[in-house]
Amino acid sequence: MSAKLDHSLVDPTRVRIKRKQAAEILGFSTAELDRRRKNDPRCPDAYKENSEDPFAPVYFYLSDIYAY
C-alpha cells in the first residue's frame, strides 16, 4: 500500500534533485544544463554530498531550479 504525498507540505527550498531531474524540469538535455552551468552565471549552483568523490552525484535545490 502506498501513501500519497501531500505536495503542499513539501518545502522546495529543502528538496534536492539530481542533475537529470533538474534538466527535465527546465526542458533541457543534461548536456545543455552542463553548458549553462559553465556559461550562465544565473544558472543554479550544484551540490555534491561527498565533494571529494569525483563520481558523486550532483544535486540541485528544487527552489533554485524553479527560480531559474
Protein backbone atom coordinates (compact mmCIF):
# COMPACT_ATOMS: atom_id res chain seq x y z
CA MET A 1 0.00 0.00 0.00
CA SER A 2 1.49 3.34 -0.98
CA ALA A 3 0.71 6.60 0.73
CA LYS A 4 0.02 9.72 -1.30
CA LEU A 5 2.38 12.64 -0.86
CA ASP A 6 0.79 15.91 0.21
CA HIS A 7 2.68 18.32 -2.06
CA SER A 8 1.56 21.31 -0.03
CA LEU A 9 3.82 20.04 2.76
CA VAL A 10 6.92 19.82 0.54
CA ASP A 11 9.35 22.71 1.01
CA PRO A 12 11.20 23.26 -2.32
CA THR A 13 13.99 25.13 -0.54
CA ARG A 14 14.98 21.88 1.19
CA VAL A 15 14.29 19.34 -1.57
CA ARG A 16 17.31 18.31 -3.62
CA ILE A 17 17.02 16.73 -7.04
CA LYS A 18 19.57 15.07 -9.29
CA ARG A 19 21.06 16.67 -12.39
CA LYS A 20 18.88 14.66 -14.79
CA GLN A 21 15.70 15.67 -12.96
CA ALA A 22 16.78 19.33 -12.96
CA ALA A 23 17.38 19.20 -16.71
CA GLU A 24 13.97 17.59 -17.29
CA ILE A 25 12.18 20.25 -15.23
CA LEU A 26 13.94 23.00 -17.19
CA GLY A 27 13.27 21.29 -20.53
CA PHE A 28 17.00 20.87 -21.28
CA SER A 29 19.21 17.93 -22.03
CA THR A 30 21.80 17.22 -19.35
CA ALA A 31 24.46 18.45 -21.80
CA GLU A 32 22.61 21.77 -22.19
CA LEU A 33 22.31 22.12 -18.42
CA ASP A 34 26.07 21.50 -18.09
CA ARG A 35 26.76 24.14 -20.77
CA ARG A 36 24.59 26.65 -18.97
CA ARG A 37 26.30 25.90 -15.64
CA LYS A 38 29.62 26.82 -17.27
CA ASN A 39 28.47 29.85 -19.27
CA ASP A 40 25.47 31.36 -17.49
CA PRO A 41 26.23 32.96 -14.10
CA ARG A 42 22.50 32.88 -13.27
CA CYS A 43 22.36 29.09 -13.57
CA PRO A 44 21.87 27.42 -10.17
CA ASP A 45 24.84 26.01 -8.30
CA ALA A 46 25.14 22.26 -7.99
CA TYR A 47 26.00 20.41 -4.80
CA LYS A 48 27.63 17.08 -4.06
CA GLU A 49 27.11 15.09 -0.87
CA ASN A 50 30.72 13.93 -0.98
CA SER A 51 32.75 16.69 -2.62
CA GLU A 52 35.94 14.62 -2.56
CA ASP A 53 34.49 11.86 -4.75
CA PRO A 54 34.70 12.94 -8.42
CA PHE A 55 31.93 10.47 -9.29
CA ALA A 56 29.50 11.59 -6.59
CA PRO A 57 26.06 12.54 -7.90
CA VAL A 58 25.34 16.22 -8.48
CA TYR A 59 22.26 17.71 -6.82
CA PHE A 60 20.34 20.98 -7.15
CA TYR A 61 17.88 22.57 -4.78
CA LEU A 62 14.42 22.41 -6.33
CA SER A 63 13.71 26.05 -5.40
CA ASP A 64 16.84 27.16 -7.34
CA ILE A 65 15.65 25.27 -10.42
CA TYR A 66 12.17 26.80 -10.14
CA ALA A 67 13.69 30.29 -9.79
CA TYR A 68 15.90 29.82 -12.82
